[in-house]
């Protein structure tokens, strides 16, 4: 069995109001020196068998079609060892 991690983040040029709200709240909670927060999504996908190049390509296709909105988001797929 192999596990993949798909991390989806807004593109840098896209405003992130949820991240901005978190960044504004953190100093009020005693966390100083933080300059920016970006909010994203993480997906953990398990498959049967090993993490082959074909399986990685399949997970990337799933991310392109369903997990990420490519107009405003980027994604990264990695194998979780």
N, C-alpha and C. Protein backbone atom coordinates (compact mmCIF):
# COMPACT_ATOMS: atom_id res chain seq x y z
N UNK A 1 0.84 -1.18 0.00
CA UNK A 1 0.00 0.00 0.00
C UNK A 1 0.89 1.24 0.00
N UNK A 2 0.49 2.23 -0.77
CA UNK A 2 1.23 3.49 -0.84
C UNK A 2 0.30 4.62 -0.44
N UNK A 3 0.86 5.65 0.14
CA UNK A 3 0.09 6.83 0.53
C UNK A 3 0.68 8.05 -0.18
N UNK A 4 -0.22 8.85 -0.73
CA UNK A 4 0.16 10.10 -1.38
C UNK A 4 -0.42 11.26 -0.60
N UNK A 5 0.32 12.35 -0.58
CA UNK A 5 -0.15 13.59 0.02
C UNK A 5 -0.31 14.59 -1.13
N UNK A 6 -1.49 15.18 -1.23
CA UNK A 6 -1.74 16.23 -2.21
C UNK A 6 -2.00 17.51 -1.42
N UNK A 7 -1.13 18.50 -1.62
CA UNK A 7 -1.28 19.79 -0.95
C UNK A 7 -1.72 20.81 -1.98
N UNK A 8 -2.83 21.49 -1.68
CA UNK A 8 -3.42 22.48 -2.58
C UNK A 8 -3.36 23.84 -1.90
N UNK A 9 -2.81 24.82 -2.60
CA UNK A 9 -2.69 26.18 -2.07
C UNK A 9 -3.17 27.18 -3.11
N UNK A 10 -3.72 28.29 -2.62
CA UNK A 10 -4.05 29.37 -3.54
C UNK A 10 -2.77 29.88 -4.20
N UNK A 11 -2.88 30.28 -5.46
CA UNK A 11 -1.74 30.87 -6.14
C UNK A 11 -1.35 32.15 -5.41
N UNK A 12 -0.07 32.52 -5.45
CA UNK A 12 0.40 33.68 -4.68
C UNK A 12 -0.33 34.98 -5.02
N UNK A 13 -0.78 35.13 -6.25
CA UNK A 13 -1.43 36.38 -6.65
C UNK A 13 -2.91 36.44 -6.26
N UNK A 14 -3.45 35.35 -5.71
CA UNK A 14 -4.85 35.30 -5.30
C UNK A 14 -4.95 35.70 -3.83
N UNK A 15 -5.86 36.63 -3.54
CA UNK A 15 -6.06 37.04 -2.16
C UNK A 15 -6.58 35.87 -1.33
N UNK A 16 -6.15 35.81 -0.07
CA UNK A 16 -6.53 34.73 0.84
C UNK A 16 -7.18 35.34 2.08
N UNK A 17 -8.48 35.63 2.05
CA UNK A 17 -9.11 36.28 3.20
C UNK A 17 -9.08 35.44 4.47
N UNK A 18 -9.17 34.11 4.34
CA UNK A 18 -9.11 33.27 5.53
C UNK A 18 -7.71 33.32 6.15
N UNK A 19 -6.68 33.28 5.32
CA UNK A 19 -5.32 33.41 5.82
C UNK A 19 -5.09 34.77 6.46
N UNK A 20 -5.65 35.83 5.87
CA UNK A 20 -5.51 37.18 6.44
C UNK A 20 -6.19 37.27 7.79
N UNK A 21 -7.36 36.64 7.93
CA UNK A 21 -8.06 36.66 9.22
C UNK A 21 -7.26 35.92 10.29
N UNK A 22 -6.66 34.81 9.92
CA UNK A 22 -5.81 34.07 10.86
C UNK A 22 -4.60 34.89 11.25
N UNK A 23 -3.97 35.53 10.26
CA UNK A 23 -2.79 36.36 10.53
C UNK A 23 -3.13 37.52 11.45
N UNK A 24 -4.33 38.07 11.32
CA UNK A 24 -4.75 39.18 12.19
C UNK A 24 -5.04 38.69 13.60
N UNK A 25 -5.54 37.48 13.74
CA UNK A 25 -5.90 36.96 15.06
C UNK A 25 -4.70 36.48 15.86
N UNK A 26 -3.68 35.98 15.20
CA UNK A 26 -2.55 35.40 15.93
C UNK A 26 -1.85 36.37 16.88
N UNK A 27 -1.57 37.62 16.48
CA UNK A 27 -0.94 38.54 17.45
C UNK A 27 -1.82 38.80 18.68
N UNK A 28 -3.13 38.82 18.49
CA UNK A 28 -4.03 39.02 19.63
C UNK A 28 -3.97 37.83 20.59
N UNK A 29 -3.55 36.68 20.09
CA UNK A 29 -3.43 35.48 20.93
C UNK A 29 -2.02 35.29 21.48
N UNK A 30 -1.15 36.28 21.24
CA UNK A 30 0.18 36.24 21.81
C UNK A 30 1.27 35.72 20.88
N UNK A 31 0.96 35.49 19.63
CA UNK A 31 1.95 35.02 18.67
C UNK A 31 2.48 36.22 17.89
N UNK A 32 3.70 36.63 18.19
CA UNK A 32 4.27 37.83 17.58
C UNK A 32 5.25 37.45 16.48
N UNK A 33 5.48 38.39 15.58
CA UNK A 33 6.50 38.22 14.55
C UNK A 33 6.05 37.46 13.32
N UNK A 34 4.79 37.05 13.24
CA UNK A 34 4.29 36.36 12.06
C UNK A 34 3.90 37.41 11.03
N UNK A 35 4.39 37.27 9.83
CA UNK A 35 4.13 38.29 8.82
C UNK A 35 3.04 37.91 7.83
N UNK A 36 2.77 36.61 7.66
CA UNK A 36 1.80 36.20 6.65
C UNK A 36 1.31 34.79 6.95
N UNK A 37 0.05 34.53 6.61
CA UNK A 37 -0.52 33.19 6.72
C UNK A 37 -1.27 32.91 5.42
N UNK A 38 -1.06 31.74 4.84
CA UNK A 38 -1.81 31.28 3.68
C UNK A 38 -2.50 29.99 4.08
N UNK A 39 -3.77 29.87 3.78
CA UNK A 39 -4.56 28.70 4.13
C UNK A 39 -4.64 27.79 2.92
N UNK A 40 -4.58 26.48 3.15
CA UNK A 40 -4.65 25.53 2.05
C UNK A 40 -5.39 24.26 2.45
N UNK A 41 -5.32 23.26 1.57
CA UNK A 41 -5.97 21.97 1.80
C UNK A 41 -4.94 20.86 1.67
N UNK A 42 -5.15 19.80 2.41
CA UNK A 42 -4.28 18.62 2.35
C UNK A 42 -5.15 17.39 2.18
N UNK A 43 -4.80 16.55 1.22
CA UNK A 43 -5.51 15.30 0.98
C UNK A 43 -4.52 14.15 1.15
N UNK A 44 -4.94 13.10 1.84
CA UNK A 44 -4.14 11.88 1.97
C UNK A 44 -4.87 10.78 1.21
N UNK A 45 -4.19 10.20 0.23
CA UNK A 45 -4.80 9.19 -0.63
C UNK A 45 -3.99 7.92 -0.53
N UNK A 46 -4.64 6.81 -0.19
CA UNK A 46 -3.97 5.52 -0.12
C UNK A 46 -4.41 4.67 -1.31
N UNK A 47 -3.46 3.93 -1.87
CA UNK A 47 -3.75 3.04 -2.99
C UNK A 47 -3.19 1.66 -2.69
N UNK A 48 -3.69 0.68 -3.40
CA UNK A 48 -3.12 -0.65 -3.30
C UNK A 48 -1.85 -0.70 -4.13
N UNK A 49 -0.86 -1.42 -3.67
CA UNK A 49 0.38 -1.59 -4.41
C UNK A 49 1.36 -0.46 -4.19
N UNK A 50 2.49 -0.53 -4.90
CA UNK A 50 3.55 0.46 -4.71
C UNK A 50 3.27 1.78 -5.44
N UNK A 51 4.02 2.79 -5.07
CA UNK A 51 3.91 4.12 -5.69
C UNK A 51 4.76 4.16 -6.96
N UNK A 52 4.17 3.74 -8.06
CA UNK A 52 4.87 3.75 -9.34
C UNK A 52 4.67 5.09 -10.04
N UNK A 53 5.43 5.31 -11.09
CA UNK A 53 5.29 6.55 -11.88
C UNK A 53 3.88 6.66 -12.45
N UNK A 54 3.30 5.54 -12.84
CA UNK A 54 1.94 5.55 -13.37
C UNK A 54 0.92 5.96 -12.30
N UNK A 55 1.11 5.47 -11.09
CA UNK A 55 0.20 5.82 -10.00
C UNK A 55 0.33 7.29 -9.63
N UNK A 56 1.56 7.79 -9.63
CA UNK A 56 1.77 9.21 -9.35
C UNK A 56 1.05 10.05 -10.40
N UNK A 57 1.16 9.67 -11.66
CA UNK A 57 0.48 10.39 -12.74
C UNK A 57 -1.03 10.33 -12.56
N UNK A 58 -1.54 9.20 -12.10
CA UNK A 58 -2.97 9.05 -11.87
C UNK A 58 -3.45 9.97 -10.75
N UNK A 59 -2.68 10.06 -9.67
CA UNK A 59 -3.02 10.95 -8.56
C UNK A 59 -2.96 12.40 -9.03
N UNK A 60 -1.96 12.75 -9.83
CA UNK A 60 -1.87 14.12 -10.37
C UNK A 60 -3.08 14.44 -11.24
N UNK A 61 -3.54 13.48 -12.03
CA UNK A 61 -4.73 13.70 -12.86
C UNK A 61 -5.96 13.93 -11.98
N UNK A 62 -6.09 13.15 -10.92
CA UNK A 62 -7.20 13.33 -10.00
C UNK A 62 -7.16 14.72 -9.35
N UNK A 63 -5.96 15.16 -8.99
CA UNK A 63 -5.82 16.49 -8.39
C UNK A 63 -6.22 17.58 -9.38
N UNK A 64 -5.80 17.42 -10.64
CA UNK A 64 -6.15 18.42 -11.66
C UNK A 64 -7.66 18.47 -11.90
N UNK A 65 -8.31 17.32 -11.90
CA UNK A 65 -9.73 17.25 -12.24
C UNK A 65 -10.66 17.55 -11.07
N UNK A 66 -10.25 17.18 -9.85
CA UNK A 66 -11.20 17.23 -8.74
C UNK A 66 -10.71 17.99 -7.50
N UNK A 67 -9.46 17.84 -7.16
CA UNK A 67 -8.99 18.36 -5.87
C UNK A 67 -8.60 19.82 -5.90
N UNK A 68 -8.15 20.33 -7.04
CA UNK A 68 -7.68 21.71 -7.14
C UNK A 68 -8.42 22.45 -8.25
N UNK A 69 -8.66 23.72 -8.01
CA UNK A 69 -9.18 24.61 -9.05
C UNK A 69 -7.97 25.29 -9.68
N UNK A 70 -7.54 24.80 -10.83
CA UNK A 70 -6.28 25.25 -11.43
C UNK A 70 -6.28 26.72 -11.83
N UNK A 71 -7.44 27.35 -11.87
CA UNK A 71 -7.50 28.78 -12.18
C UNK A 71 -6.91 29.58 -11.04
N UNK A 72 -7.17 29.15 -9.80
CA UNK A 72 -6.73 29.94 -8.64
C UNK A 72 -5.82 29.18 -7.69
N UNK A 73 -5.60 27.87 -7.93
CA UNK A 73 -4.81 27.07 -6.99
C UNK A 73 -3.69 26.30 -7.70
N UNK A 74 -2.64 26.05 -6.95
CA UNK A 74 -1.56 25.14 -7.35
C UNK A 74 -1.63 23.91 -6.45
N UNK A 75 -1.05 22.82 -6.91
CA UNK A 75 -1.00 21.63 -6.06
C UNK A 75 0.34 20.94 -6.21
N UNK A 76 0.67 20.15 -5.19
CA UNK A 76 1.89 19.35 -5.17
C UNK A 76 1.49 17.96 -4.72
N UNK A 77 1.99 16.93 -5.41
CA UNK A 77 1.76 15.54 -5.03
C UNK A 77 3.09 14.97 -4.56
N UNK A 78 3.07 14.31 -3.41
CA UNK A 78 4.28 13.64 -2.94
C UNK A 78 3.91 12.31 -2.33
N UNK A 79 4.85 11.41 -2.37
CA UNK A 79 4.66 10.09 -1.76
C UNK A 79 5.02 10.21 -0.28
N UNK A 80 4.13 9.72 0.57
CA UNK A 80 4.36 9.74 2.01
C UNK A 80 5.07 8.46 2.38
N UNK A 81 6.33 8.56 2.72
CA UNK A 81 7.15 7.38 3.03
C UNK A 81 6.88 6.88 4.43
